[in-house]
Amino acid sequence: MKTFRHIIITGASSGIGEALAIDYAATGVVLGLTGRDARRLSAVADACRAKGAIVLADTVDTTDRSAMAHWLRAFDDAYPVDLLIANAGISLDQNNLGIEPFDSAHRTIAVNVTGVLNTVEPLIDRLMARRAGQVGVIASLAAFFGRPRSASYNASKAAIRVWGESLRFPLAKANVGLSVVCPGYVTSRMTDAIADPRPKTMSTGRASQIIRQGLSRNRPRIAFPFGLAIGVWFTALLPAWLSARMLKE
């Protein structure tokens, strides 16, 4: 099992990112945290420092390629990263049964896809050169088929899932691990805004535990909860006409 001391987590001001940051925090650990909300991010950083961690926190926009590269490389210069978690994400169309505004779709793709690329790109060559480290990219169980709602969110998570699973192969040759994380419903401000039922909703603490265990073992895919994942995979295996009929609203 892998252990980590120098950890980057984007989207750390709430939800899964917040839980991961606090759970990883310990004496001897250095955390680099980014998030959109400066007040909430500061509170998370303080909670991590209370557990003995050194914390560098900043509201860097993941869609800003240059700013992300500068911040990430500066952190890595001081504290060579051994775990990079690209967690930042948004869902702007989650209750929309019609055609979502394209401005929302562009913004969702920018954060959920381009933001992940901007998080991984600056450090990937360094990890490979050191022949060590672990990358985690946060996708979703929504990545496995097109649901009636959340079109751009589903598409963005599908793109990251397939990209991450493909990237795992060349990284493995350099002894760098990559895990694609596919959560179901996890309690957060984003899921709290969903009007539909949220089956098997999980606490952020439990999600963090599952993700941390999977990353330490370099699991190719960390999908949970198990029962919901099985249902999603089954639906994805059905003929398209049948799954479309089942999901029709």
C-alpha atoms as a PDB file:
ATOM      1  CA  MET A   1       0.000   0.000   0.000  1.00  0.00           C
ATOM      2  CA  LYS A   2       1.123   3.525  -0.812  1.00  0.00           C
ATOM      3  CA  THR A   3       1.406   6.317   1.726  1.00  0.00           C
ATOM      4  CA  PHE A   4       1.377  10.005   0.842  1.00  0.00           C
ATOM      5  CA  ARG A   5       3.011  13.070   2.396  1.00  0.00           C
ATOM      6  CA  HIS A   6       2.782  15.849  -0.210  1.00  0.00           C
ATOM      7  CA  ILE A   7      -0.777  16.034  -1.493  1.00  0.00           C
ATOM      8  CA  ILE A   8      -2.628  18.322  -3.918  1.00  0.00           C
ATOM      9  CA  ILE A   9      -6.442  18.412  -3.818  1.00  0.00           C
ATOM     10  CA  THR A  10      -8.507  20.706  -6.039  1.00  0.00           C
ATOM     11  CA  GLY A  11     -12.092  21.505  -5.133  1.00  0.00           C
ATOM     12  CA  ALA A  12     -11.155  21.228  -1.462  1.00  0.00           C
ATOM     13  CA  SER A  13     -13.548  23.840  -0.085  1.00  0.00           C
ATOM     14  CA  SER A  14     -16.522  21.477   0.175  1.00  0.00           C
ATOM     15  CA  GLY A  15     -17.855  17.968  -0.360  1.00  0.00           C
ATOM     16  CA  ILE A  16     -15.497  15.108  -1.155  1.00  0.00           C
ATOM     17  CA  GLY A  17     -12.505  17.430  -1.518  1.00  0.00           C
ATOM     18  CA  GLU A  18     -13.024  18.877   1.957  1.00  0.00           C
ATOM     19  CA  ALA A  19     -13.390  15.416   3.510  1.00  0.00           C
ATOM     20  CA  LEU A  20     -10.261  14.123   1.762  1.00  0.00           C
ATOM     21  CA  ALA A  21      -8.220  17.119   2.879  1.00  0.00           C
ATOM     22  CA  ILE A  22      -9.209  16.757   6.523  1.00  0.00           C
ATOM     23  CA  ASP A  23      -8.762  12.982   6.505  1.00  0.00           C
ATOM     24  CA  TYR A  24      -5.291  13.179   4.945  1.00  0.00           C
ATOM     25  CA  ALA A  25      -4.199  15.947   7.327  1.00  0.00           C
ATOM     26  CA  ALA A  26      -1.628  14.821   9.885  1.00  0.00           C
ATOM     27  CA  THR A  27       1.735  15.785  11.296  1.00  0.00           C
ATOM     28  CA  GLY A  28       4.347  15.423   8.564  1.00  0.00           C
ATOM     29  CA  VAL A  29       1.824  15.902   5.757  1.00  0.00           C
ATOM     30  CA  VAL A  30       1.832  18.939   3.442  1.00  0.00           C
ATOM     31  CA  LEU A  31      -1.429  19.779   1.692  1.00  0.00           C
ATOM     32  CA  GLY A  32      -1.905  22.004  -1.337  1.00  0.00           C
ATOM     33  CA  LEU A  33      -5.592  22.921  -1.518  1.00  0.00           C
ATOM     34  CA  THR A  34      -7.583  24.916  -4.048  1.00  0.00           C
ATOM     35  CA  GLY A  35     -11.242  25.864  -4.062  1.00  0.00           C
ATOM     36  CA  ARG A  36     -13.671  28.467  -5.362  1.00  0.00           C
ATOM     37  CA  ASP A  37     -14.902  29.798  -2.016  1.00  0.00           C
ATOM     38  CA  ALA A  38     -12.133  31.577  -0.091  1.00  0.00           C
ATOM     39  CA  ARG A  39     -14.010  31.565   3.220  1.00  0.00           C
ATOM     40  CA  ARG A  40     -14.834  27.862   3.154  1.00  0.00           C
ATOM     41  CA  LEU A  41     -11.357  26.992   1.880  1.00  0.00           C
ATOM     42  CA  SER A  42      -9.794  28.914   4.758  1.00  0.00           C
ATOM     43  CA  ALA A  43     -11.942  26.975   7.242  1.00  0.00           C
ATOM     44  CA  VAL A  44     -10.852  23.666   5.700  1.00  0.00           C
ATOM     45  CA  ALA A  45      -7.206  24.747   5.807  1.00  0.00           C
ATOM     46  CA  ASP A  46      -7.543  25.670   9.484  1.00  0.00           C
ATOM     47  CA  ALA A  47      -9.097  22.280  10.274  1.00  0.00           C
ATOM     48  CA  CYS A  48      -6.204  20.556   8.529  1.00  0.00           C
ATOM     49  CA  ARG A  49      -3.611  22.644  10.384  1.00  0.00           C
ATOM     50  CA  ALA A  50      -5.310  21.735  13.669  1.00  0.00           C
ATOM     51  CA  LYS A  51      -4.435  18.118  12.879  1.00  0.00           C
ATOM     52  CA  GLY A  52      -0.771  19.011  12.392  1.00  0.00           C
ATOM     53  CA  ALA A  53      -0.548  19.385   8.619  1.00  0.00           C
ATOM     54  CA  ILE A  54       1.233  22.170   6.766  1.00  0.00           C
ATOM     55  CA  VAL A  55      -1.300  23.733   4.398  1.00  0.00           C
ATOM     56  CA  LEU A  56      -0.927  25.956   1.338  1.00  0.00           C
ATOM     57  CA  ALA A  57      -4.373  27.025   0.177  1.00  0.00           C
ATOM     58  CA  ASP A  58      -5.404  29.340  -2.649  1.00  0.00           C
ATOM     59  CA  THR A  59      -8.445  30.112  -4.798  1.00  0.00           C
ATOM     60  CA  VAL A  60      -6.794  29.239  -8.109  1.00  0.00           C
ATOM     61  CA  ASP A  61      -9.231  28.873 -11.024  1.00  0.00           C
ATOM     62  CA  THR A  62      -8.694  25.397 -12.489  1.00  0.00           C
ATOM     63  CA  THR A  63      -9.783  26.636 -15.913  1.00  0.00           C
ATOM     64  CA  ASP A  64      -6.828  29.066 -15.963  1.00  0.00           C
ATOM     65  CA  ARG A  65      -4.089  26.923 -17.480  1.00  0.00           C
ATOM     66  CA  SER A  66      -1.242  29.339 -16.795  1.00  0.00           C
ATOM     67  CA  ALA A  67      -2.247  30.111 -13.201  1.00  0.00           C
ATOM     68  CA  MET A  68      -2.686  26.426 -12.382  1.00  0.00           C
ATOM     69  CA  ALA A  69       0.709  25.539 -13.862  1.00  0.00           C
ATOM     70  CA  HIS A  70       2.433  28.278 -11.893  1.00  0.00           C
ATOM     71  CA  TRP A  71       0.783  27.347  -8.580  1.00  0.00           C
ATOM     72  CA  LEU A  72       1.235  23.594  -8.943  1.00  0.00           C
ATOM     73  CA  ARG A  73       4.872  23.770  -9.997  1.00  0.00           C
ATOM     74  CA  ALA A  74       5.704  26.199  -7.187  1.00  0.00           C
ATOM     75  CA  PHE A  75       4.199  23.759  -4.678  1.00  0.00           C
ATOM     76  CA  ASP A  76       6.029  20.838  -6.263  1.00  0.00           C
ATOM     77  CA  ASP A  77       9.340  22.734  -6.188  1.00  0.00           C
ATOM     78  CA  ALA A  78       9.021  23.041  -2.422  1.00  0.00           C
ATOM     79  CA  TYR A  79       7.228  19.761  -1.695  1.00  0.00           C
ATOM     80  CA  PRO A  80       7.549  17.100  -4.427  1.00  0.00           C
ATOM     81  CA  VAL A  81       4.018  15.856  -4.931  1.00  0.00           C
ATOM     82  CA  ASP A  82       3.277  12.179  -4.367  1.00  0.00           C
ATOM     83  CA  LEU A  83      -0.535  12.385  -4.605  1.00  0.00           C
ATOM     84  CA  LEU A  84      -2.484  14.615  -6.998  1.00  0.00           C
ATOM     85  CA  ILE A  85      -6.293  14.569  -6.772  1.00  0.00           C
ATOM     86  CA  ALA A  86      -8.169  16.427  -9.522  1.00  0.00           C
ATOM     87  CA  ASN A  87     -11.483  16.791  -7.732  1.00  0.00           C
ATOM     88  CA  ALA A  88     -12.881  20.221  -8.684  1.00  0.00           C
ATOM     89  CA  GLY A  89     -16.163  19.959 -10.541  1.00  0.00           C
ATOM     90  CA  ILE A  90     -19.571  21.576 -11.044  1.00  0.00           C
ATOM     91  CA  SER A  91     -23.055  20.648 -12.243  1.00  0.00           C
ATOM     92  CA  LEU A  92     -25.118  23.553 -13.501  1.00  0.00           C
ATOM     93  CA  ASP A  93     -27.887  21.637 -15.313  1.00  0.00           C
ATOM     94  CA  GLN A  94     -28.751  18.895 -12.842  1.00  0.00           C
ATOM     95  CA  ASN A  95     -32.529  19.540 -12.747  1.00  0.00           C
ATOM     96  CA  ASN A  96     -32.958  20.454 -16.412  1.00  0.00           C
ATOM     97  CA  LEU A  97     -35.205  18.149 -18.478  1.00  0.00           C
ATOM     98  CA  GLY A  98     -34.969  20.389 -21.527  1.00  0.00           C
ATOM     99  CA  ILE A  99     -32.027  21.669 -23.520  1.00  0.00           C
ATOM    100  CA  GLU A 100     -29.674  23.268 -21.056  1.00  0.00           C
ATOM    101  CA  PRO A 101     -28.345  26.752 -21.874  1.00  0.00           C
ATOM    102  CA  PHE A 102     -25.151  26.354 -23.854  1.00  0.00           C
ATOM    103  CA  ASP A 103     -23.386  28.857 -21.616  1.00  0.00           C
ATOM    104  CA  SER A 104     -23.910  26.388 -18.771  1.00  0.00           C
ATOM    105  CA  ALA A 105     -22.688  23.505 -20.912  1.00  0.00           C
ATOM    106  CA  HIS A 106     -19.524  25.368 -21.879  1.00  0.00           C
ATOM    107  CA  ARG A 107     -18.828  26.275 -18.248  1.00  0.00           C
ATOM    108  CA  THR A 108     -19.402  22.700 -17.042  1.00  0.00           C
ATOM    109  CA  ILE A 109     -17.088  21.255 -19.678  1.00  0.00           C
ATOM    110  CA  ALA A 110     -14.474  23.912 -18.929  1.00  0.00           C
ATOM    111  CA  VAL A 111     -14.345  23.082 -15.209  1.00  0.00           C
ATOM    112  CA  ASN A 112     -14.934  19.327 -15.322  1.00  0.00           C
ATOM    113  CA  VAL A 113     -12.727  18.502 -18.299  1.00  0.00           C
ATOM    114  CA  THR A 114     -10.313  21.352 -19.003  1.00  0.00           C
ATOM    115  CA  GLY A 115      -9.884  21.947 -15.269  1.00  0.00           C
ATOM    116  CA  VAL A 116      -8.783  18.346 -14.767  1.00  0.00           C
ATOM    117  CA  LEU A 117      -6.339  18.567 -17.678  1.00  0.00           C
ATOM    118  CA  ASN A 118      -4.936  21.795 -16.239  1.00  0.00           C
ATOM    119  CA  THR A 119      -4.461  20.043 -12.886  1.00  0.00           C
ATOM    120  CA  VAL A 120      -2.663  16.989 -14.233  1.00  0.00           C
ATOM    121  CA  GLU A 121      -0.610  18.524 -17.050  1.00  0.00           C
ATOM    122  CA  PRO A 122       1.854  20.648 -15.012  1.00  0.00           C
ATOM    123  CA  LEU A 123       3.040  17.775 -12.807  1.00  0.00           C
ATOM    124  CA  ILE A 124       2.741  14.651 -14.903  1.00  0.00           C
ATOM    125  CA  ASP A 125       6.240  14.867 -16.408  1.00  0.00           C
ATOM    126  CA  ARG A 126       7.704  15.465 -12.945  1.00  0.00           C
ATOM    127  CA  LEU A 127       5.954  12.432 -11.467  1.00  0.00           C
ATOM    128  CA  MET A 128       7.158  10.289 -14.349  1.00  0.00           C
ATOM    129  CA  ALA A 129      10.710  11.590 -14.025  1.00  0.00           C
ATOM    130  CA  ARG A 130      10.684  10.719 -10.315  1.00  0.00           C
ATOM    131  CA  ARG A 131       9.090   7.353 -11.132  1.00  0.00           C
ATOM    132  CA  ALA A 132       6.753   7.728  -8.189  1.00  0.00           C
ATOM    133  CA  GLY A 133       3.367   9.141  -7.274  1.00  0.00           C
ATOM    134  CA  GLN A 134      -0.356   8.624  -7.604  1.00  0.00           C
ATOM    135  CA  VAL A 135      -2.995  10.556  -9.537  1.00  0.00           C
ATOM    136  CA  GLY A 136      -6.707  10.466  -8.769  1.00  0.00           C
ATOM    137  CA  VAL A 137      -9.260  11.971 -11.149  1.00  0.00           C
ATOM    138  CA  ILE A 138     -12.845  12.341  -9.961  1.00  0.00           C
ATOM    139  CA  ALA A 139     -15.415  11.177 -12.489  1.00  0.00           C
ATOM    140  CA  SER A 140     -18.861   9.832 -11.520  1.00  0.00           C
ATOM    141  CA  LEU A 141     -21.203   6.889 -11.935  1.00  0.00           C
ATOM    142  CA  ALA A 142     -23.012   9.313 -14.261  1.00  0.00           C
ATOM    143  CA  ALA A 143     -20.144   8.740 -16.700  1.00  0.00           C
ATOM    144  CA  PHE A 144     -21.466   5.372 -17.912  1.00  0.00           C
ATOM    145  CA  PHE A 145     -24.565   6.401 -19.874  1.00  0.00           C
ATOM    146  CA  GLY A 146     -26.577   9.454 -20.866  1.00  0.00           C
ATOM    147  CA  ARG A 147     -29.284  10.147 -18.302  1.00  0.00           C
ATOM    148  CA  PRO A 148     -32.271  12.376 -19.160  1.00  0.00           C
ATOM    149  CA  ARG A 149     -30.886  15.175 -16.991  1.00  0.00           C
ATOM    150  CA  SER A 150     -27.448  16.740 -16.517  1.00  0.00           C
ATOM    151  CA  ALA A 151     -26.308  16.318 -20.115  1.00  0.00           C
ATOM    152  CA  SER A 152     -23.073  18.307 -19.923  1.00  0.00           C
ATOM    153  CA  TYR A 153     -22.226  16.936 -16.465  1.00  0.00           C
ATOM    154  CA  ASN A 154     -22.674  13.349 -17.699  1.00  0.00           C
ATOM    155  CA  ALA A 155     -20.617  14.056 -20.800  1.00  0.00           C
ATOM    156  CA  SER A 156     -17.813  15.765 -18.890  1.00  0.00           C
ATOM    157  CA  LYS A 157     -17.508  12.902 -16.409  1.00  0.00           C
ATOM    158  CA  ALA A 158     -17.576  10.336 -19.219  1.00  0.00           C
ATOM    159  CA  ALA A 159     -14.721  12.163 -20.934  1.00  0.00           C
ATOM    160  CA  ILE A 160     -12.626  12.224 -17.776  1.00  0.00           C
ATOM    161  CA  ARG A 161     -13.341   8.580 -16.997  1.00  0.00           C
ATOM    162  CA  VAL A 162     -12.176   7.346 -20.381  1.00  0.00           C
ATOM    163  CA  TRP A 163      -9.241   9.775 -20.502  1.00  0.00           C
ATOM    164  CA  GLY A 164      -8.041   8.702 -17.068  1.00  0.00           C
ATOM    165  CA  GLU A 165      -8.437   5.001 -17.744  1.00  0.00           C
ATOM    166  CA  SER A 166      -6.443   5.388 -20.961  1.00  0.00           C
ATOM    167  CA  LEU A 167      -3.739   7.530 -19.340  1.00  0.00           C
ATOM    168  CA  ARG A 168      -3.164   4.859 -16.693  1.00  0.00           C
ATOM    169  CA  PHE A 169      -1.284   2.642 -19.179  1.00  0.00           C
ATOM    170  CA  PRO A 170       1.610   4.960 -20.142  1.00  0.00           C
ATOM    171  CA  LEU A 171       1.884   6.184 -16.552  1.00  0.00           C
ATOM    172  CA  ALA A 172       2.267   2.624 -15.291  1.00  0.00           C
ATOM    173  CA  LYS A 173       5.424   2.258 -17.393  1.00  0.00           C
ATOM    174  CA  ALA A 174       6.920   5.111 -15.342  1.00  0.00           C
ATOM    175  CA  ASN A 175       5.734   3.583 -12.050  1.00  0.00           C
ATOM    176  CA  VAL A 176       3.083   6.284 -11.577  1.00  0.00           C
ATOM    177  CA  GLY A 177      -0.400   5.159 -10.584  1.00  0.00           C
ATOM    178  CA  LEU A 178      -3.708   6.589 -11.753  1.00  0.00           C
ATOM    179  CA  SER A 179      -7.139   5.862 -10.319  1.00  0.00           C
ATOM    180  CA  VAL A 180     -10.450   7.016 -11.761  1.00  0.00           C
ATOM    181  CA  VAL A 181     -12.961   7.685  -8.989  1.00  0.00           C
ATOM    182  CA  CYS A 182     -16.640   7.168  -9.851  1.00  0.00           C
ATOM    183  CA  PRO A 183     -18.851   8.110  -6.903  1.00  0.00           C
ATOM    184  CA  GLY A 184     -22.603   7.878  -6.803  1.00  0.00           C
ATOM    185  CA  TYR A 185     -24.589  10.373  -4.733  1.00  0.00           C
ATOM    186  CA  VAL A 186     -22.471  11.855  -1.953  1.00  0.00           C
ATOM    187  CA  THR A 187     -23.836  14.428   0.492  1.00  0.00           C
ATOM    188  CA  SER A 188     -22.668  17.867  -0.647  1.00  0.00           C
ATOM    189  CA  ARG A 189     -23.971  21.277  -1.650  1.00  0.00           C
ATOM    190  CA  MET A 190     -24.079  20.074  -5.259  1.00  0.00           C
ATOM    191  CA  THR A 191     -26.153  16.949  -4.590  1.00  0.00           C
ATOM    192  CA  ASP A 192     -28.364  18.767  -2.086  1.00  0.00           C
ATOM    193  CA  ALA A 193     -29.598  20.893  -4.992  1.00  0.00           C
ATOM    194  CA  ILE A 194     -30.805  17.849  -6.960  1.00  0.00           C
ATOM    195  CA  ALA A 195     -34.600  17.625  -7.003  1.00  0.00           C
ATOM    196  CA  ASP A 196     -34.801  13.932  -7.940  1.00  0.00           C
ATOM    197  CA  PRO A 197     -34.461  11.040  -5.475  1.00  0.00           C
ATOM    198  CA  ARG A 198     -30.837  10.253  -4.619  1.00  0.00           C
ATOM    199  CA  PRO A 199     -30.615   6.498  -4.008  1.00  0.00           C
ATOM    200  CA  LYS A 200     -27.940   5.203  -1.637  1.00  0.00           C
ATOM    201  CA  THR A 201     -26.623   8.683  -0.837  1.00  0.00           C
ATOM    202  CA  MET A 202     -23.341   8.357   1.060  1.00  0.00           C
ATOM    203  CA  SER A 203     -21.674  10.646   3.575  1.00  0.00           C
ATOM    204  CA  THR A 204     -18.524  12.487   2.527  1.00  0.00           C
ATOM    205  CA  GLY A 205     -16.655  10.741   5.343  1.00  0.00           C
ATOM    206  CA  ARG A 206     -17.473   7.289   4.017  1.00  0.00           C
ATOM    207  CA  ALA A 207     -16.701   8.377   0.448  1.00  0.00           C
ATOM    208  CA  SER A 208     -13.331   9.719   1.588  1.00  0.00           C
ATOM    209  CA  GLN A 209     -12.522   6.416   3.278  1.00  0.00           C
ATOM    210  CA  ILE A 210     -13.290   4.412   0.136  1.00  0.00           C
ATOM    211  CA  ILE A 211     -11.326   6.786  -2.099  1.00  0.00           C
ATOM    212  CA  ARG A 212      -8.278   6.850   0.182  1.00  0.00           C
ATOM    213  CA  GLN A 213      -8.202   3.072   0.378  1.00  0.00           C
ATOM    214  CA  GLY A 214      -8.463   2.790  -3.400  1.00  0.00           C
ATOM    215  CA  LEU A 215      -5.731   5.335  -4.039  1.00  0.00           C
ATOM    216  CA  SER A 216      -3.363   3.649  -1.594  1.00  0.00           C
ATOM    217  CA  ARG A 217      -3.837   0.410  -3.557  1.00  0.00           C
ATOM    218  CA  ASN A 218      -3.643   2.106  -6.984  1.00  0.00           C
ATOM    219  CA  ARG A 219      -7.050   0.749  -7.973  1.00  0.00           C
ATOM    220  CA  PRO A 220      -7.766   1.424 -11.665  1.00  0.00           C
ATOM    221  CA  ARG A 221     -11.368   2.383 -10.895  1.00  0.00           C
ATOM    222  CA  ILE A 222     -12.892   3.300  -7.531  1.00  0.00           C
ATOM    223  CA  ALA A 223     -16.659   3.067  -8.029  1.00  0.00           C
ATOM    224  CA  PHE A 224     -19.198   3.220  -5.201  1.00  0.00           C
ATOM    225  CA  PRO A 225     -21.590   2.502  -3.634  1.00  0.00           C
ATOM    226  CA  PHE A 226     -21.365  -1.068  -4.902  1.00  0.00           C
ATOM    227  CA  GLY A 227     -25.082  -1.731  -5.324  1.00  0.00           C
ATOM    228  CA  LEU A 228     -25.706   1.457  -7.289  1.00  0.00           C
ATOM    229  CA  ALA A 229     -22.574   0.865  -9.383  1.00  0.00           C
ATOM    230  CA  ILE A 230     -23.857  -2.583 -10.366  1.00  0.00           C
ATOM    231  CA  GLY A 231     -27.182  -1.060 -11.422  1.00  0.00           C
ATOM    232  CA  VAL A 232     -25.468   1.619 -13.478  1.00  0.00           C
ATOM    233  CA  TRP A 233     -23.198  -0.878 -15.207  1.00  0.00           C
ATOM    234  CA  PHE A 234     -26.177  -3.128 -15.977  1.00  0.00           C
ATOM    235  CA  THR A 235     -28.089  -0.236 -17.534  1.00  0.00           C
ATOM    236  CA  ALA A 236     -25.042   0.684 -19.614  1.00  0.00           C
ATOM    237  CA  LEU A 237     -24.869  -2.886 -20.968  1.00  0.00           C
ATOM    238  CA  LEU A 238     -28.466  -2.895 -22.184  1.00  0.00           C
ATOM    239  CA  PRO A 239     -29.327  -2.166 -25.822  1.00  0.00           C
ATOM    240  CA  ALA A 240     -29.613   1.585 -26.260  1.00  0.00           C
ATOM    241  CA  TRP A 241     -33.300   1.455 -27.188  1.00  0.00           C
ATOM    242  CA  LEU A 242     -34.120  -0.433 -24.002  1.00  0.00           C
ATOM    243  CA  SER A 243     -32.122   1.750 -21.647  1.00  0.00           C
ATOM    244  CA  ALA A 244     -33.617   4.852 -23.312  1.00  0.00           C
ATOM    245  CA  ARG A 245     -37.118   3.477 -22.731  1.00  0.00           C
ATOM    246  CA  MET A 246     -36.332   2.688 -19.083  1.00  0.00           C
ATOM    247  CA  LEU A 247     -34.955   6.185 -18.454  1.00  0.00           C
ATOM    248  CA  LYS A 248     -37.663   8.091 -20.358  1.00  0.00           C
ATOM    249  CA  GLU A 249     -39.268  10.867 -18.285  1.00  0.00           C
END
